[in-house]
């Protein structure tokens, strides 16, 4: 069976990669507050210090420079911090070791590691991740793209190939992007199963795009790092300024990309603005 990258066909000189949660889809807050964090508290029975741990989770995943990190990295970072406060997490070393060494942060990768190690900590991590997915599936289907997303994608698709590059669960991505009739603007819809954002951009580059003709659009530092590590351009969707950001993407940033004027000065201006928007 062909992989998603083997099936991919380039049709433009230019490529715009777009993150999903918190960037195109207004789903980030509700997923963390209703799914990720509560299921963590339940799975590890952390009710005694619930308020402290929830606030820590929200800071790490929503409001600071680690915004948008993969769910398993967010879990490991949370557990590292609370363990220093004397809150014991069973088999924490196994969780941290897997997160730091795996080349695929996904449920399938986690299952393979459990088969090898029979780790209780990893079994709990998988149970949590599956519970999160089920919880997300059961959310009311009232999520919406941010203002300007549909118009932006439609306009950009006439000038460049567009691929979603996300660390979210693939089934949730497929449901959300199809429900809002946005898949028609895409060349690919890449979730966590396809690999890290950095890996996905690297694989897409191999399809024959010049690095200076690729733009990664995201709302989190991980998106910036994935772009920088592939020597491609980055454009930020600013928290609480999503409508403005999408309008500027369509009317200023993408035209600069096409015209070859998305230069170092403009890039540095965008990155400075982005860094100032996060704690």
C-alpha atoms as a PDB file:
ATOM      1  CA  UNK A   1       0.000   0.000   0.000  1.00  0.00           C
ATOM      2  CA  UNK A   2       1.319   3.440  -0.911  1.00  0.00           C
ATOM      3  CA  UNK A   3       2.059   5.919   1.860  1.00  0.00           C
ATOM      4  CA  UNK A   4       0.445   9.353   1.862  1.00  0.00           C
ATOM      5  CA  UNK A   5       3.725  10.833   0.637  1.00  0.00           C
ATOM      6  CA  UNK A   6       4.065   8.313  -2.209  1.00  0.00           C
ATOM      7  CA  UNK A   7       0.530   9.218  -3.329  1.00  0.00           C
ATOM      8  CA  UNK A   8       1.200  12.962  -3.184  1.00  0.00           C
ATOM      9  CA  UNK A   9       1.333  14.843  -6.481  1.00  0.00           C
ATOM     10  CA  UNK A  10       2.786  18.354  -6.732  1.00  0.00           C
ATOM     11  CA  UNK A  11       0.789  20.691  -8.980  1.00  0.00           C
ATOM     12  CA  UNK A  12       2.225  24.156  -8.194  1.00  0.00           C
ATOM     13  CA  UNK A  13       5.649  25.736  -7.722  1.00  0.00           C
ATOM     14  CA  UNK A  14       4.502  26.922  -4.294  1.00  0.00           C
ATOM     15  CA  UNK A  15       3.423  25.039  -1.158  1.00  0.00           C
ATOM     16  CA  UNK A  16       1.584  26.411   1.864  1.00  0.00           C
ATOM     17  CA  UNK A  17       1.488  24.072   4.883  1.00  0.00           C
ATOM     18  CA  UNK A  18      -1.197  24.845   7.455  1.00  0.00           C
ATOM     19  CA  UNK A  19      -1.564  23.651  11.027  1.00  0.00           C
ATOM     20  CA  UNK A  20      -5.106  22.811  12.169  1.00  0.00           C
ATOM     21  CA  UNK A  21      -5.996  23.176  15.880  1.00  0.00           C
ATOM     22  CA  UNK A  22      -5.690  26.779  17.029  1.00  0.00           C
ATOM     23  CA  UNK A  23      -4.541  27.877  13.585  1.00  0.00           C
ATOM     24  CA  UNK A  24      -7.312  27.056  11.104  1.00  0.00           C
ATOM     25  CA  UNK A  25      -9.831  25.434  13.460  1.00  0.00           C
ATOM     26  CA  UNK A  26     -11.137  27.058  16.628  1.00  0.00           C
ATOM     27  CA  UNK A  27     -10.855  23.770  18.519  1.00  0.00           C
ATOM     28  CA  UNK A  28      -7.785  24.118  20.687  1.00  0.00           C
ATOM     29  CA  UNK A  29      -9.278  25.559  23.880  1.00  0.00           C
ATOM     30  CA  UNK A  30     -12.223  23.173  24.042  1.00  0.00           C
ATOM     31  CA  UNK A  31     -10.120  20.082  23.321  1.00  0.00           C
ATOM     32  CA  UNK A  32      -7.663  20.890  26.104  1.00  0.00           C
ATOM     33  CA  UNK A  33     -10.299  21.966  28.646  1.00  0.00           C
ATOM     34  CA  UNK A  34     -12.870  19.250  27.923  1.00  0.00           C
ATOM     35  CA  UNK A  35     -10.733  16.331  26.729  1.00  0.00           C
ATOM     36  CA  UNK A  36      -6.950  16.300  27.232  1.00  0.00           C
ATOM     37  CA  UNK A  37      -6.750  17.715  30.758  1.00  0.00           C
ATOM     38  CA  UNK A  38      -9.807  16.056  32.392  1.00  0.00           C
ATOM     39  CA  UNK A  39      -8.877  12.633  30.985  1.00  0.00           C
ATOM     40  CA  UNK A  40      -5.346  13.044  32.368  1.00  0.00           C
ATOM     41  CA  UNK A  41      -6.737  13.784  35.831  1.00  0.00           C
ATOM     42  CA  UNK A  42      -8.997  10.710  35.650  1.00  0.00           C
ATOM     43  CA  UNK A  43      -6.435   8.270  34.212  1.00  0.00           C
ATOM     44  CA  UNK A  44      -3.756   9.047  36.805  1.00  0.00           C
ATOM     45  CA  UNK A  45      -6.191   9.831  39.664  1.00  0.00           C
ATOM     46  CA  UNK A  46      -4.770  13.324  40.192  1.00  0.00           C
ATOM     47  CA  UNK A  47      -7.884  14.814  41.812  1.00  0.00           C
ATOM     48  CA  UNK A  48      -6.086  15.847  45.004  1.00  0.00           C
ATOM     49  CA  UNK A  49      -4.009  18.470  43.135  1.00  0.00           C
ATOM     50  CA  UNK A  50      -6.469  18.940  40.257  1.00  0.00           C
ATOM     51  CA  UNK A  51      -6.590  22.756  40.087  1.00  0.00           C
ATOM     52  CA  UNK A  52      -2.805  23.124  40.147  1.00  0.00           C
ATOM     53  CA  UNK A  53      -2.288  20.444  37.488  1.00  0.00           C
ATOM     54  CA  UNK A  54      -5.051  21.749  35.214  1.00  0.00           C
ATOM     55  CA  UNK A  55      -3.652  25.287  35.277  1.00  0.00           C
ATOM     56  CA  UNK A  56      -0.177  23.928  34.547  1.00  0.00           C
ATOM     57  CA  UNK A  57      -1.543  21.933  31.597  1.00  0.00           C
ATOM     58  CA  UNK A  58      -3.335  24.975  30.160  1.00  0.00           C
ATOM     59  CA  UNK A  59      -0.215  27.131  30.468  1.00  0.00           C
ATOM     60  CA  UNK A  60       2.018  24.543  28.812  1.00  0.00           C
ATOM     61  CA  UNK A  61      -0.362  23.735  25.985  1.00  0.00           C
ATOM     62  CA  UNK A  62      -2.178  27.006  25.282  1.00  0.00           C
ATOM     63  CA  UNK A  63      -0.576  30.191  26.568  1.00  0.00           C
ATOM     64  CA  UNK A  64       3.207  29.909  26.585  1.00  0.00           C
ATOM     65  CA  UNK A  65       6.051  29.116  24.197  1.00  0.00           C
ATOM     66  CA  UNK A  66       5.186  25.409  24.327  1.00  0.00           C
ATOM     67  CA  UNK A  67       1.711  26.093  22.894  1.00  0.00           C
ATOM     68  CA  UNK A  68       0.603  23.421  20.451  1.00  0.00           C
ATOM     69  CA  UNK A  69       3.103  20.714  21.362  1.00  0.00           C
ATOM     70  CA  UNK A  70       2.176  17.100  20.683  1.00  0.00           C
ATOM     71  CA  UNK A  71      -0.144  15.577  23.305  1.00  0.00           C
ATOM     72  CA  UNK A  72       2.478  13.088  24.509  1.00  0.00           C
ATOM     73  CA  UNK A  73       5.153  15.775  24.853  1.00  0.00           C
ATOM     74  CA  UNK A  74       2.666  17.901  26.789  1.00  0.00           C
ATOM     75  CA  UNK A  75       1.947  14.971  29.088  1.00  0.00           C
ATOM     76  CA  UNK A  76       5.634  14.251  29.705  1.00  0.00           C
ATOM     77  CA  UNK A  77       6.418  17.917  30.434  1.00  0.00           C
ATOM     78  CA  UNK A  78       3.484  18.170  32.848  1.00  0.00           C
ATOM     79  CA  UNK A  79       4.568  15.019  34.665  1.00  0.00           C
ATOM     80  CA  UNK A  80       8.200  16.152  34.899  1.00  0.00           C
ATOM     81  CA  UNK A  81       7.079  19.346  36.633  1.00  0.00           C
ATOM     82  CA  UNK A  82       4.559  17.817  39.037  1.00  0.00           C
ATOM     83  CA  UNK A  83       6.926  14.976  39.968  1.00  0.00           C
ATOM     84  CA  UNK A  84       9.370  17.613  41.235  1.00  0.00           C
ATOM     85  CA  UNK A  85       6.516  18.832  43.468  1.00  0.00           C
ATOM     86  CA  UNK A  86       6.270  15.382  45.034  1.00  0.00           C
ATOM     87  CA  UNK A  87       3.365  14.054  42.949  1.00  0.00           C
ATOM     88  CA  UNK A  88       4.244  10.485  42.006  1.00  0.00           C
ATOM     89  CA  UNK A  89       3.554   9.208  38.490  1.00  0.00           C
ATOM     90  CA  UNK A  90       3.849   5.462  38.048  1.00  0.00           C
ATOM     91  CA  UNK A  91       6.636   4.355  35.700  1.00  0.00           C
ATOM     92  CA  UNK A  92       7.338   7.958  34.648  1.00  0.00           C
ATOM     93  CA  UNK A  93      10.798   7.102  33.281  1.00  0.00           C
ATOM     94  CA  UNK A  94       9.251   4.830  30.642  1.00  0.00           C
ATOM     95  CA  UNK A  95       6.878   7.577  29.500  1.00  0.00           C
ATOM     96  CA  UNK A  96       9.650  10.167  29.253  1.00  0.00           C
ATOM     97  CA  UNK A  97      12.031   7.751  27.527  1.00  0.00           C
ATOM     98  CA  UNK A  98       9.477   6.830  24.849  1.00  0.00           C
ATOM     99  CA  UNK A  99       8.515  10.461  24.195  1.00  0.00           C
ATOM    100  CA  UNK A 100      12.158  11.506  23.866  1.00  0.00           C
ATOM    101  CA  UNK A 101      13.302   8.605  21.666  1.00  0.00           C
ATOM    102  CA  UNK A 102      10.410   7.593  19.395  1.00  0.00           C
ATOM    103  CA  UNK A 103      10.328   8.917  15.860  1.00  0.00           C
ATOM    104  CA  UNK A 104       6.526   8.712  15.780  1.00  0.00           C
ATOM    105  CA  UNK A 105       4.446  10.227  18.564  1.00  0.00           C
ATOM    106  CA  UNK A 106       1.229   8.304  17.915  1.00  0.00           C
ATOM    107  CA  UNK A 107      -0.992   5.628  19.439  1.00  0.00           C
ATOM    108  CA  UNK A 108       0.312   2.991  17.018  1.00  0.00           C
ATOM    109  CA  UNK A 109       3.916   3.727  17.972  1.00  0.00           C
ATOM    110  CA  UNK A 110       2.893   3.553  21.626  1.00  0.00           C
ATOM    111  CA  UNK A 111       1.273   0.135  21.095  1.00  0.00           C
ATOM    112  CA  UNK A 112       4.473  -1.188  19.529  1.00  0.00           C
ATOM    113  CA  UNK A 113       6.513   0.042  22.493  1.00  0.00           C
ATOM    114  CA  UNK A 114       4.083  -1.577  24.951  1.00  0.00           C
ATOM    115  CA  UNK A 115       4.475  -4.901  23.131  1.00  0.00           C
ATOM    116  CA  UNK A 116       8.239  -4.649  23.640  1.00  0.00           C
ATOM    117  CA  UNK A 117       8.317  -3.343  27.219  1.00  0.00           C
ATOM    118  CA  UNK A 118       4.964  -4.212  28.866  1.00  0.00           C
ATOM    119  CA  UNK A 119       5.331  -0.868  30.674  1.00  0.00           C
ATOM    120  CA  UNK A 120       2.488   0.094  33.030  1.00  0.00           C
ATOM    121  CA  UNK A 121       3.214   3.781  32.490  1.00  0.00           C
ATOM    122  CA  UNK A 122       2.894   3.417  28.720  1.00  0.00           C
ATOM    123  CA  UNK A 123      -0.287   1.359  29.077  1.00  0.00           C
ATOM    124  CA  UNK A 124      -1.800   4.211  31.093  1.00  0.00           C
ATOM    125  CA  UNK A 125      -0.576   6.712  28.508  1.00  0.00           C
ATOM    126  CA  UNK A 126      -2.277   4.760  25.722  1.00  0.00           C
ATOM    127  CA  UNK A 127      -5.476   4.440  27.762  1.00  0.00           C
ATOM    128  CA  UNK A 128      -5.414   8.228  28.287  1.00  0.00           C
ATOM    129  CA  UNK A 129      -4.794   8.970  24.613  1.00  0.00           C
ATOM    130  CA  UNK A 130      -7.629   6.675  23.501  1.00  0.00           C
ATOM    131  CA  UNK A 131      -9.953   8.238  26.076  1.00  0.00           C
ATOM    132  CA  UNK A 132      -8.993  11.681  24.738  1.00  0.00           C
ATOM    133  CA  UNK A 133      -9.856  10.592  21.181  1.00  0.00           C
ATOM    134  CA  UNK A 134     -13.222   9.235  22.303  1.00  0.00           C
ATOM    135  CA  UNK A 135     -13.880  12.409  24.269  1.00  0.00           C
ATOM    136  CA  UNK A 136     -13.061  14.547  21.220  1.00  0.00           C
ATOM    137  CA  UNK A 137     -15.414  12.443  19.079  1.00  0.00           C
ATOM    138  CA  UNK A 138     -18.187  13.093  21.606  1.00  0.00           C
ATOM    139  CA  UNK A 139     -17.730  16.865  21.661  1.00  0.00           C
ATOM    140  CA  UNK A 140     -20.663  18.835  20.259  1.00  0.00           C
ATOM    141  CA  UNK A 141     -20.022  19.358  16.552  1.00  0.00           C
ATOM    142  CA  UNK A 142     -20.112  23.123  16.848  1.00  0.00           C
ATOM    143  CA  UNK A 143     -16.446  23.734  16.043  1.00  0.00           C
ATOM    144  CA  UNK A 144     -15.820  26.325  13.377  1.00  0.00           C
ATOM    145  CA  UNK A 145     -12.870  27.479  11.312  1.00  0.00           C
ATOM    146  CA  UNK A 146     -11.562  30.866  12.414  1.00  0.00           C
ATOM    147  CA  UNK A 147     -12.795  33.948  10.603  1.00  0.00           C
ATOM    148  CA  UNK A 148     -11.109  34.255   7.229  1.00  0.00           C
ATOM    149  CA  UNK A 149     -10.009  30.611   6.939  1.00  0.00           C
ATOM    150  CA  UNK A 150     -12.369  29.497   4.181  1.00  0.00           C
ATOM    151  CA  UNK A 151     -11.812  32.642   2.114  1.00  0.00           C
ATOM    152  CA  UNK A 152      -8.075  32.359   2.746  1.00  0.00           C
ATOM    153  CA  UNK A 153      -7.817  28.721   1.709  1.00  0.00           C
ATOM    154  CA  UNK A 154      -9.913  29.298  -1.396  1.00  0.00           C
ATOM    155  CA  UNK A 155      -7.731  32.217  -2.472  1.00  0.00           C
ATOM    156  CA  UNK A 156      -4.422  30.537  -1.642  1.00  0.00           C
ATOM    157  CA  UNK A 157      -5.417  27.308  -3.434  1.00  0.00           C
ATOM    158  CA  UNK A 158      -5.503  29.252  -6.717  1.00  0.00           C
ATOM    159  CA  UNK A 159      -1.851  30.247  -6.230  1.00  0.00           C
ATOM    160  CA  UNK A 160      -0.232  27.350  -4.358  1.00  0.00           C
ATOM    161  CA  UNK A 161      -0.617  23.759  -3.226  1.00  0.00           C
ATOM    162  CA  UNK A 162      -1.984  23.540   0.333  1.00  0.00           C
ATOM    163  CA  UNK A 163      -1.328  20.730   2.811  1.00  0.00           C
ATOM    164  CA  UNK A 164      -2.514  20.477   6.392  1.00  0.00           C
ATOM    165  CA  UNK A 165       0.454  19.558   8.619  1.00  0.00           C
ATOM    166  CA  UNK A 166      -0.802  18.865  12.137  1.00  0.00           C
ATOM    167  CA  UNK A 167       0.094  16.889  15.257  1.00  0.00           C
ATOM    168  CA  UNK A 168      -3.602  16.152  15.858  1.00  0.00           C
ATOM    169  CA  UNK A 169      -5.223  12.744  15.533  1.00  0.00           C
ATOM    170  CA  UNK A 170      -5.868  11.953  11.875  1.00  0.00           C
ATOM    171  CA  UNK A 171      -9.475  10.814  12.302  1.00  0.00           C
ATOM    172  CA  UNK A 172     -10.409  14.044  14.092  1.00  0.00           C
ATOM    173  CA  UNK A 173      -8.714  16.089  11.354  1.00  0.00           C
ATOM    174  CA  UNK A 174     -10.530  14.208   8.634  1.00  0.00           C
ATOM    175  CA  UNK A 175     -13.878  14.731  10.380  1.00  0.00           C
ATOM    176  CA  UNK A 176     -13.354  18.452  11.025  1.00  0.00           C
ATOM    177  CA  UNK A 177     -11.995  19.410   7.592  1.00  0.00           C
ATOM    178  CA  UNK A 178     -14.633  17.397   5.733  1.00  0.00           C
ATOM    179  CA  UNK A 179     -17.463  18.701   7.913  1.00  0.00           C
ATOM    180  CA  UNK A 180     -16.594  22.268   6.949  1.00  0.00           C
ATOM    181  CA  UNK A 181     -16.010  21.403   3.277  1.00  0.00           C
ATOM    182  CA  UNK A 182     -12.381  22.520   3.368  1.00  0.00           C
ATOM    183  CA  UNK A 183     -10.708  19.340   2.114  1.00  0.00           C
ATOM    184  CA  UNK A 184     -11.373  20.415  -1.479  1.00  0.00           C
ATOM    185  CA  UNK A 185      -8.664  23.076  -1.119  1.00  0.00           C
ATOM    186  CA  UNK A 186      -5.990  20.582   0.032  1.00  0.00           C
ATOM    187  CA  UNK A 187      -3.367  18.394  -1.574  1.00  0.00           C
ATOM    188  CA  UNK A 188      -2.858  16.429   1.659  1.00  0.00           C
ATOM    189  CA  UNK A 189      -4.268  16.166   5.171  1.00  0.00           C
ATOM    190  CA  UNK A 190      -1.395  15.057   7.420  1.00  0.00           C
ATOM    191  CA  UNK A 191      -1.974  14.227  11.087  1.00  0.00           C
ATOM    192  CA  UNK A 192       0.220  12.717  13.788  1.00  0.00           C
ATOM    193  CA  UNK A 193       0.217   9.322  12.038  1.00  0.00           C
ATOM    194  CA  UNK A 194       2.187  10.808   9.130  1.00  0.00           C
ATOM    195  CA  UNK A 195       5.024  11.827  11.475  1.00  0.00           C
ATOM    196  CA  UNK A 196       6.159  15.034  13.119  1.00  0.00           C
ATOM    197  CA  UNK A 197       5.545  18.389  11.453  1.00  0.00           C
ATOM    198  CA  UNK A 198       9.261  18.651  10.725  1.00  0.00           C
ATOM    199  CA  UNK A 199       9.218  15.226   9.068  1.00  0.00           C
ATOM    200  CA  UNK A 200       6.105  16.014   7.022  1.00  0.00           C
ATOM    201  CA  UNK A 201       7.551  19.265   5.679  1.00  0.00           C
ATOM    202  CA  UNK A 202      10.796  17.459   4.814  1.00  0.00           C
ATOM    203  CA  UNK A 203       8.882  14.769   2.904  1.00  0.00           C
ATOM    204  CA  UNK A 204       6.811  17.354   1.032  1.00  0.00           C
ATOM    205  CA  UNK A 205      10.009  19.248   0.095  1.00  0.00           C
ATOM    206  CA  UNK A 206      11.199  16.104  -1.660  1.00  0.00           C
ATOM    207  CA  UNK A 207       8.331  16.474  -4.113  1.00  0.00           C
ATOM    208  CA  UNK A 208      10.309  19.202  -5.865  1.00  0.00           C
ATOM    209  CA  UNK A 209       9.432  22.453  -4.096  1.00  0.00           C
ATOM    210  CA  UNK A 210      12.222  24.984  -3.571  1.00  0.00           C
ATOM    211  CA  UNK A 211      12.606  25.809   0.128  1.00  0.00           C
ATOM    212  CA  UNK A 212      12.018  29.525  -0.490  1.00  0.00           C
ATOM    213  CA  UNK A 213       8.688  28.669  -2.140  1.00  0.00           C
ATOM    214  CA  UNK A 214       7.323  26.847   0.909  1.00  0.00           C
ATOM    215  CA  UNK A 215       5.441  28.572   3.736  1.00  0.00           C
ATOM    216  CA  UNK A 216       4.482  26.959   7.069  1.00  0.00           C
ATOM    217  CA  UNK A 217       1.445  28.617   8.674  1.00  0.00           C
ATOM    218  CA  UNK A 218       0.996  27.980  12.393  1.00  0.00           C
ATOM    219  CA  UNK A 219       0.057  29.333  15.781  1.00  0.00           C
ATOM    220  CA  UNK A 220       2.672  27.592  17.943  1.00  0.00           C
ATOM    221  CA  UNK A 221       6.446  27.613  18.410  1.00  0.00           C
ATOM    222  CA  UNK A 222       6.564  24.008  17.208  1.00  0.00           C
ATOM    223  CA  UNK A 223       5.341  25.223  13.824  1.00  0.00           C
ATOM    224  CA  UNK A 224       8.103  27.833  13.708  1.00  0.00           C
ATOM    225  CA  UNK A 225      10.758  25.269  14.645  1.00  0.00           C
ATOM    226  CA  UNK A 226       9.489  22.781  12.045  1.00  0.00           C
ATOM    227  CA  UNK A 227       9.792  25.514   9.416  1.00  0.00           C
ATOM    228  CA  UNK A 228      13.230  26.685  10.537  1.00  0.00           C
ATOM    229  CA  UNK A 229      14.604  23.132  10.696  1.00  0.00           C
ATOM    230  CA  UNK A 230      13.584  22.689   7.060  1.00  0.00           C
ATOM    231  CA  UNK A 231      14.842  26.149   5.968  1.00  0.00           C
ATOM    232  CA  UNK A 232      11.357  27.186   4.821  1.00  0.00           C
ATOM    233  CA  UNK A 233       9.343  30.327   5.520  1.00  0.00           C
ATOM    234  CA  UNK A 234       7.019  30.755   8.515  1.00  0.00           C
ATOM    235  CA  UNK A 235       3.857  32.776   8.971  1.00  0.00           C
ATOM    236  CA  UNK A 236       2.172  33.101  12.404  1.00  0.00           C
ATOM    237  CA  UNK A 237      -1.520  32.956  13.202  1.00  0.00           C
ATOM    238  CA  UNK A 238      -1.608  35.150  16.316  1.00  0.00           C
ATOM    239  CA  UNK A 239      -3.655  34.065  19.344  1.00  0.00           C
ATOM    240  CA  UNK A 240      -6.838  36.150  19.643  1.00  0.00           C
ATOM    241  CA  UNK A 241      -5.976  37.840  16.319  1.00  0.00           C
ATOM    242  CA  UNK A 242      -6.836  34.918  14.065  1.00  0.00           C
ATOM    243  CA  UNK A 243      -9.141  36.826  11.687  1.00  0.00           C
ATOM    244  CA  UNK A 244      -6.555  39.550  11.137  1.00  0.00           C
ATOM    245  CA  UNK A 245      -3.829  36.932  10.673  1.00  0.00           C
ATOM    246  CA  UNK A 246      -5.736  35.035   7.975  1.00  0.00           C
ATOM    247  CA  UNK A 247      -6.617  38.203   6.098  1.00  0.00           C
ATOM    248  CA  UNK A 248      -2.964  39.278   6.123  1.00  0.00           C
ATOM    249  CA  UNK A 249      -1.858  35.807   5.059  1.00  0.00           C
ATOM    250  CA  UNK A 250      -4.049  35.950   1.953  1.00  0.00           C
ATOM    251  CA  UNK A 251      -3.493  39.579   1.035  1.00  0.00           C
ATOM    252  CA  UNK A 252       0.143  40.167   2.055  1.00  0.00           C
ATOM    253  CA  UNK A 253       2.221  37.112   2.987  1.00  0.00           C
ATOM    254  CA  UNK A 254       1.244  34.724   0.201  1.00  0.00           C
ATOM    255  CA  UNK A 255       1.612  37.429  -2.495  1.00  0.00           C
ATOM    256  CA  UNK A 256       5.098  38.117  -1.127  1.00  0.00           C
ATOM    257  CA  UNK A 257       5.864  34.388  -1.332  1.00  0.00           C
ATOM    258  CA  UNK A 258       4.687  34.253  -4.963  1.00  0.00           C
ATOM    259  CA  UNK A 259       6.521  37.448  -5.946  1.00  0.00           C
ATOM    260  CA  UNK A 260       9.755  36.390  -4.229  1.00  0.00           C
ATOM    261  CA  UNK A 261       9.681  39.304  -1.751  1.00  0.00           C
ATOM    262  CA  UNK A 262       9.119  37.220   1.401  1.00  0.00           C
ATOM    263  CA  UNK A 263      12.595  38.274   2.520  1.00  0.00           C
ATOM    264  CA  UNK A 264      14.616  37.959   5.733  1.00  0.00           C
ATOM    265  CA  UNK A 265      13.482  41.369   7.026  1.00  0.00           C
ATOM    266  CA  UNK A 266       9.811  40.461   6.604  1.00  0.00           C
ATOM    267  CA  UNK A 267      10.370  37.031   8.154  1.00  0.00           C
ATOM    268  CA  UNK A 268      12.115  38.484  11.206  1.00  0.00           C
ATOM    269  CA  UNK A 269       9.307  41.009  11.661  1.00  0.00           C
ATOM    270  CA  UNK A 270       6.732  38.196  11.687  1.00  0.00           C
ATOM    271  CA  UNK A 271       8.736  36.075  14.137  1.00  0.00           C
ATOM    272  CA  UNK A 272       9.254  38.987  16.514  1.00  0.00           C
ATOM    273  CA  UNK A 273       5.515  39.725  16.441  1.00  0.00           C
ATOM    274  CA  UNK A 274       4.777  36.035  17.060  1.00  0.00           C
ATOM    275  CA  UNK A 275       7.158  35.687  20.007  1.00  0.00           C
ATOM    276  CA  UNK A 276       5.715  38.814  21.614  1.00  0.00           C
ATOM    277  CA  UNK A 277       2.220  37.302  21.456  1.00  0.00           C
ATOM    278  CA  UNK A 278       3.128  34.388  23.779  1.00  0.00           C
ATOM    279  CA  UNK A 279       4.215  34.441  27.428  1.00  0.00           C
END
